[in-house]
């Protein structure tokens, strides 16, 4: 299992970023995918999850801290999961990681810094 996150950067408060996570080594379409983040000096925390796509679509869930601002999505043709982050706040500053909950592997993460 290999996970490669990208798309992080420095953004001003109120701005937006879209993170990507390219997955390989497993049948991506069959598994849920999650985003986590870890701020300096804090534990890694769960941010969002998306289920496999079924006949009724995919189910998404979000941490309360990001609900209404972040959107998780997936493209099974590209084996990629995305995290669209809008209305960013300084407290969103963290390294962001994707993960397939059924596997133990983590990617290297991508740094998001929200600062003026």
N, C-alpha and C. Protein backbone atom coordinates (compact mmCIF):
# COMPACT_ATOMS: atom_id res chain seq x y z
N UNK A 1 0.85 -1.19 0.00
CA UNK A 1 0.00 0.00 0.00
C UNK A 1 0.88 1.24 0.00
N UNK A 2 0.61 2.15 -0.92
CA UNK A 2 1.35 3.40 -0.98
C UNK A 2 0.36 4.56 -1.11
N UNK A 3 0.59 5.58 -0.30
CA UNK A 3 -0.26 6.76 -0.30
C UNK A 3 0.63 7.99 -0.45
N UNK A 4 0.31 8.85 -1.42
CA UNK A 4 1.11 10.03 -1.68
C UNK A 4 0.21 11.26 -1.67
N UNK A 5 0.37 12.07 -0.63
CA UNK A 5 -0.42 13.29 -0.49
C UNK A 5 0.27 14.46 -1.17
N UNK A 6 -0.53 15.39 -1.66
CA UNK A 6 0.00 16.61 -2.28
C UNK A 6 -1.04 17.72 -2.20
N UNK A 7 -0.61 18.94 -2.53
CA UNK A 7 -1.53 20.05 -2.59
C UNK A 7 -1.49 21.02 -1.44
N UNK A 8 -0.68 20.73 -0.43
CA UNK A 8 -0.57 21.64 0.70
C UNK A 8 0.17 22.91 0.33
N UNK A 9 0.19 23.84 1.28
CA UNK A 9 0.89 25.10 1.06
C UNK A 9 0.52 26.12 2.09
N UNK A 10 0.93 27.36 1.83
CA UNK A 10 0.63 28.49 2.70
C UNK A 10 -0.56 29.26 2.12
N UNK A 11 -1.56 29.50 2.96
CA UNK A 11 -2.75 30.20 2.51
C UNK A 11 -3.20 31.16 3.60
N UNK A 12 -3.81 32.26 3.20
CA UNK A 12 -4.31 33.23 4.17
C UNK A 12 -5.62 32.74 4.79
N UNK A 13 -5.92 33.19 5.99
CA UNK A 13 -7.23 32.86 6.57
C UNK A 13 -8.38 33.22 5.63
N UNK A 14 -9.34 32.30 5.53
CA UNK A 14 -10.45 32.49 4.60
C UNK A 14 -10.21 31.90 3.23
N UNK A 15 -8.99 31.49 2.97
CA UNK A 15 -8.65 30.94 1.67
C UNK A 15 -9.02 29.47 1.52
N UNK A 16 -8.63 28.90 0.37
CA UNK A 16 -8.97 27.52 0.05
C UNK A 16 -7.75 26.77 -0.47
N UNK A 17 -7.79 25.48 -0.27
CA UNK A 17 -6.80 24.56 -0.83
C UNK A 17 -7.51 23.26 -1.17
N UNK A 18 -6.98 22.53 -2.14
CA UNK A 18 -7.46 21.18 -2.43
C UNK A 18 -6.30 20.21 -2.32
N UNK A 19 -6.43 19.29 -1.40
CA UNK A 19 -5.44 18.24 -1.21
C UNK A 19 -5.80 17.02 -2.04
N UNK A 20 -4.78 16.32 -2.50
CA UNK A 20 -4.96 15.08 -3.24
C UNK A 20 -4.16 13.97 -2.57
N UNK A 21 -4.64 12.75 -2.72
CA UNK A 21 -3.93 11.57 -2.20
C UNK A 21 -4.04 10.48 -3.25
N UNK A 22 -2.91 10.14 -3.85
CA UNK A 22 -2.86 9.08 -4.84
C UNK A 22 -2.54 7.76 -4.14
N UNK A 23 -3.40 6.76 -4.34
CA UNK A 23 -3.26 5.48 -3.66
C UNK A 23 -2.89 4.38 -4.64
N UNK A 24 -2.13 3.41 -4.17
CA UNK A 24 -1.78 2.26 -4.98
C UNK A 24 -1.50 1.07 -4.07
N UNK A 25 -1.52 -0.11 -4.66
CA UNK A 25 -1.20 -1.33 -3.91
C UNK A 25 -2.41 -2.06 -3.34
N UNK A 26 -3.59 -1.54 -3.59
CA UNK A 26 -4.82 -2.21 -3.16
C UNK A 26 -5.94 -1.77 -4.11
N UNK A 27 -7.08 -2.46 -4.01
CA UNK A 27 -8.20 -2.15 -4.88
C UNK A 27 -8.94 -0.95 -4.32
N UNK A 28 -8.51 0.22 -4.74
CA UNK A 28 -8.94 1.49 -4.17
C UNK A 28 -10.45 1.61 -4.11
N UNK A 29 -11.14 1.23 -5.16
CA UNK A 29 -12.58 1.48 -5.24
C UNK A 29 -13.37 0.72 -4.19
N UNK A 30 -12.79 -0.31 -3.63
CA UNK A 30 -13.52 -1.17 -2.69
C UNK A 30 -13.40 -0.72 -1.23
N UNK A 31 -12.58 0.31 -0.98
CA UNK A 31 -12.28 0.68 0.39
C UNK A 31 -12.66 2.12 0.72
N UNK A 32 -13.08 2.32 1.98
CA UNK A 32 -13.24 3.66 2.50
C UNK A 32 -11.87 4.34 2.58
N UNK A 33 -11.90 5.66 2.51
CA UNK A 33 -10.68 6.45 2.64
C UNK A 33 -10.92 7.59 3.62
N UNK A 34 -9.88 7.93 4.36
CA UNK A 34 -10.00 8.98 5.37
C UNK A 34 -8.88 10.00 5.24
N UNK A 35 -9.14 11.19 5.74
CA UNK A 35 -8.11 12.20 5.94
C UNK A 35 -7.93 12.42 7.45
N UNK A 36 -6.68 12.58 7.84
CA UNK A 36 -6.31 12.92 9.21
C UNK A 36 -5.41 14.15 9.16
N UNK A 37 -5.21 14.75 10.31
CA UNK A 37 -4.24 15.85 10.38
C UNK A 37 -3.56 15.85 11.75
N UNK A 38 -2.36 16.41 11.78
CA UNK A 38 -1.61 16.50 13.03
C UNK A 38 -0.99 17.89 13.11
N UNK A 39 -1.45 18.65 14.09
CA UNK A 39 -0.90 19.97 14.34
C UNK A 39 0.31 19.86 15.26
N UNK A 40 1.20 20.85 15.24
CA UNK A 40 2.40 20.79 16.09
C UNK A 40 2.03 20.60 17.56
N UNK A 41 2.65 19.62 18.18
CA UNK A 41 2.43 19.37 19.60
C UNK A 41 1.12 18.70 19.94
N UNK A 42 0.37 18.28 18.93
CA UNK A 42 -0.92 17.65 19.18
C UNK A 42 -0.97 16.26 18.59
N UNK A 43 -1.93 15.46 19.06
CA UNK A 43 -2.12 14.13 18.50
C UNK A 43 -2.74 14.22 17.10
N UNK A 44 -2.50 13.17 16.33
CA UNK A 44 -3.14 13.09 15.02
C UNK A 44 -4.65 12.93 15.22
N UNK A 45 -5.44 13.67 14.44
CA UNK A 45 -6.88 13.60 14.57
C UNK A 45 -7.54 13.30 13.24
N UNK A 46 -8.67 12.61 13.32
CA UNK A 46 -9.45 12.28 12.13
C UNK A 46 -10.17 13.53 11.64
N UNK A 47 -10.25 13.70 10.32
CA UNK A 47 -10.87 14.88 9.72
C UNK A 47 -12.12 14.51 8.93
N UNK A 48 -12.01 13.49 8.07
CA UNK A 48 -13.13 13.16 7.19
C UNK A 48 -12.96 11.74 6.65
N UNK A 49 -14.09 11.15 6.24
CA UNK A 49 -14.06 9.81 5.65
C UNK A 49 -15.08 9.72 4.54
N UNK A 50 -14.76 8.92 3.53
CA UNK A 50 -15.68 8.65 2.43
C UNK A 50 -15.73 7.14 2.22
N UNK A 51 -16.94 6.61 2.06
CA UNK A 51 -17.10 5.17 1.84
C UNK A 51 -16.88 4.84 0.37
N UNK A 52 -16.83 3.56 0.04
CA UNK A 52 -16.84 3.19 -1.37
C UNK A 52 -18.13 3.70 -2.03
N UNK A 53 -18.07 3.91 -3.34
CA UNK A 53 -19.24 4.36 -4.08
C UNK A 53 -20.14 3.16 -4.36
N UNK A 54 -21.40 3.29 -3.99
CA UNK A 54 -22.38 2.25 -4.26
C UNK A 54 -23.45 2.81 -5.21
N UNK A 55 -24.53 2.05 -5.37
CA UNK A 55 -25.61 2.50 -6.25
C UNK A 55 -26.28 3.77 -5.73
N UNK A 56 -26.11 4.04 -4.45
CA UNK A 56 -26.71 5.25 -3.88
C UNK A 56 -25.66 6.32 -3.61
N UNK A 57 -24.48 6.12 -4.16
CA UNK A 57 -23.40 7.09 -4.00
C UNK A 57 -22.49 6.73 -2.85
N UNK A 58 -21.65 7.67 -2.45
CA UNK A 58 -20.72 7.47 -1.34
C UNK A 58 -21.20 8.26 -0.14
N UNK A 59 -20.96 7.72 1.03
CA UNK A 59 -21.33 8.40 2.27
C UNK A 59 -20.10 9.10 2.83
N UNK A 60 -20.27 10.35 3.23
CA UNK A 60 -19.17 11.12 3.80
C UNK A 60 -19.48 11.50 5.24
N UNK A 61 -18.43 11.61 6.02
CA UNK A 61 -18.54 12.05 7.41
C UNK A 61 -17.40 13.00 7.74
N UNK A 62 -17.66 13.94 8.63
CA UNK A 62 -16.67 14.97 8.94
C UNK A 62 -16.57 15.21 10.44
N UNK A 63 -15.37 15.58 10.86
CA UNK A 63 -15.21 16.07 12.22
C UNK A 63 -15.99 17.38 12.37
N UNK A 64 -16.50 17.62 13.57
CA UNK A 64 -17.30 18.83 13.78
C UNK A 64 -16.51 20.09 13.46
N UNK A 65 -15.22 20.05 13.68
CA UNK A 65 -14.39 21.23 13.49
C UNK A 65 -14.27 21.66 12.03
N UNK A 66 -14.57 20.75 11.09
CA UNK A 66 -14.43 21.07 9.67
C UNK A 66 -15.74 20.97 8.90
N UNK A 67 -16.78 20.52 9.57
CA UNK A 67 -18.07 20.32 8.90
C UNK A 67 -18.57 21.64 8.30
N UNK A 68 -19.00 21.57 7.04
CA UNK A 68 -19.48 22.76 6.36
C UNK A 68 -18.39 23.55 5.65
N UNK A 69 -17.12 23.22 5.93
CA UNK A 69 -16.00 23.93 5.29
C UNK A 69 -15.17 23.01 4.39
N UNK A 70 -15.06 21.75 4.77
CA UNK A 70 -14.26 20.79 4.02
C UNK A 70 -15.18 19.81 3.30
N UNK A 71 -14.72 19.33 2.13
CA UNK A 71 -15.46 18.32 1.37
C UNK A 71 -14.49 17.24 0.91
N UNK A 72 -14.81 15.99 1.25
CA UNK A 72 -14.01 14.86 0.80
C UNK A 72 -14.69 14.25 -0.42
N UNK A 73 -13.89 13.83 -1.39
CA UNK A 73 -14.42 13.20 -2.59
C UNK A 73 -13.40 12.19 -3.10
N UNK A 74 -13.82 11.38 -4.06
CA UNK A 74 -12.90 10.36 -4.61
C UNK A 74 -13.14 10.21 -6.09
N UNK A 75 -12.06 9.82 -6.79
CA UNK A 75 -12.10 9.50 -8.21
C UNK A 75 -11.50 8.11 -8.36
N UNK A 76 -12.35 7.10 -8.49
CA UNK A 76 -11.86 5.73 -8.55
C UNK A 76 -11.06 5.47 -9.81
N UNK A 77 -11.34 6.19 -10.88
CA UNK A 77 -10.58 6.00 -12.12
C UNK A 77 -9.12 6.44 -11.95
N UNK A 78 -8.90 7.37 -11.02
CA UNK A 78 -7.54 7.86 -10.77
C UNK A 78 -6.96 7.35 -9.47
N UNK A 79 -7.70 6.49 -8.76
CA UNK A 79 -7.24 5.98 -7.45
C UNK A 79 -6.82 7.14 -6.54
N UNK A 80 -7.65 8.17 -6.52
CA UNK A 80 -7.30 9.38 -5.79
C UNK A 80 -8.46 9.85 -4.92
N UNK A 81 -8.12 10.29 -3.73
CA UNK A 81 -9.10 10.90 -2.83
C UNK A 81 -8.67 12.36 -2.63
N UNK A 82 -9.66 13.23 -2.53
CA UNK A 82 -9.42 14.67 -2.43
C UNK A 82 -9.99 15.22 -1.13
N UNK A 83 -9.45 16.35 -0.71
CA UNK A 83 -10.02 17.10 0.39
C UNK A 83 -10.05 18.57 -0.02
N UNK A 84 -11.23 19.08 -0.33
CA UNK A 84 -11.41 20.49 -0.65
C UNK A 84 -11.61 21.24 0.66
N UNK A 85 -10.76 22.20 0.92
CA UNK A 85 -10.79 22.93 2.18
C UNK A 85 -11.08 24.40 1.89
N UNK A 86 -12.20 24.87 2.37
CA UNK A 86 -12.60 26.27 2.19
C UNK A 86 -12.67 26.97 3.54
N UNK A 87 -12.72 28.29 3.50
CA UNK A 87 -12.83 29.10 4.72
C UNK A 87 -11.80 28.67 5.76
N UNK A 88 -10.58 28.52 5.32
CA UNK A 88 -9.53 28.01 6.20
C UNK A 88 -9.25 28.96 7.35
N UNK A 89 -8.92 28.36 8.50
CA UNK A 89 -8.62 29.09 9.72
C UNK A 89 -7.21 28.76 10.18
N UNK A 90 -6.59 29.63 10.97
CA UNK A 90 -5.24 29.32 11.48
C UNK A 90 -5.20 27.98 12.22
N UNK A 91 -6.26 27.60 12.89
CA UNK A 91 -6.28 26.33 13.61
C UNK A 91 -6.36 25.11 12.69
N UNK A 92 -6.51 25.32 11.39
CA UNK A 92 -6.43 24.22 10.44
C UNK A 92 -4.98 23.89 10.06
N UNK A 93 -4.04 24.69 10.53
CA UNK A 93 -2.63 24.45 10.25
C UNK A 93 -2.21 23.09 10.81
N UNK A 94 -1.68 22.25 9.94
CA UNK A 94 -1.31 20.88 10.33
C UNK A 94 -0.68 20.18 9.13
N UNK A 95 -0.11 19.03 9.41
CA UNK A 95 0.25 18.10 8.34
C UNK A 95 -0.95 17.20 8.11
N UNK A 96 -1.37 17.10 6.86
CA UNK A 96 -2.55 16.33 6.50
C UNK A 96 -2.14 15.01 5.85
N UNK A 97 -2.79 13.94 6.30
CA UNK A 97 -2.50 12.59 5.83
C UNK A 97 -3.78 11.93 5.34
N UNK A 98 -3.65 11.09 4.32
CA UNK A 98 -4.77 10.22 3.97
C UNK A 98 -4.46 8.81 4.43
N UNK A 99 -5.52 8.02 4.54
CA UNK A 99 -5.34 6.64 5.01
C UNK A 99 -6.54 5.80 4.59
N UNK A 100 -6.27 4.57 4.23
CA UNK A 100 -7.31 3.58 4.07
C UNK A 100 -7.47 2.89 5.42
N UNK A 101 -8.61 3.07 6.07
CA UNK A 101 -8.76 2.55 7.43
C UNK A 101 -8.49 1.05 7.58
N UNK A 102 -8.63 0.29 6.49
CA UNK A 102 -8.40 -1.15 6.58
C UNK A 102 -6.93 -1.52 6.50
N UNK A 103 -6.07 -0.55 6.25
CA UNK A 103 -4.64 -0.79 6.15
C UNK A 103 -3.89 0.09 7.13
N UNK A 104 -2.70 -0.33 7.49
CA UNK A 104 -1.92 0.40 8.50
C UNK A 104 -1.03 1.48 7.90
N UNK A 105 -0.86 1.50 6.59
CA UNK A 105 0.11 2.40 5.97
C UNK A 105 -0.34 3.85 6.04
N UNK A 106 0.64 4.75 6.22
CA UNK A 106 0.46 6.19 6.16
C UNK A 106 1.35 6.76 5.05
N UNK A 107 0.93 7.83 4.47
CA UNK A 107 1.78 8.54 3.53
C UNK A 107 2.71 9.49 4.27
N UNK A 108 3.40 10.33 3.50
CA UNK A 108 4.35 11.27 4.12
C UNK A 108 3.66 12.53 4.60
N UNK A 109 2.43 12.74 4.17
CA UNK A 109 1.68 13.92 4.57
C UNK A 109 2.00 15.13 3.72
N UNK A 110 1.15 16.14 3.82
CA UNK A 110 1.36 17.41 3.12
C UNK A 110 1.05 18.54 4.10
N UNK A 111 1.94 19.53 4.16
CA UNK A 111 1.83 20.59 5.15
C UNK A 111 0.84 21.66 4.68
N UNK A 112 -0.09 22.01 5.54
CA UNK A 112 -1.01 23.12 5.31
C UNK A 112 -0.77 24.16 6.39
N UNK A 113 -0.48 25.37 5.97
CA UNK A 113 -0.25 26.47 6.90
C UNK A 113 -1.20 27.60 6.57
N UNK A 114 -2.00 27.99 7.55
CA UNK A 114 -2.96 29.07 7.37
C UNK A 114 -2.50 30.25 8.22
N UNK A 115 -2.05 31.28 7.54
CA UNK A 115 -1.48 32.42 8.25
C UNK A 115 -1.51 33.65 7.37
N UNK A 116 -1.66 34.81 8.01
CA UNK A 116 -1.61 36.06 7.28
C UNK A 116 -0.20 36.63 7.29
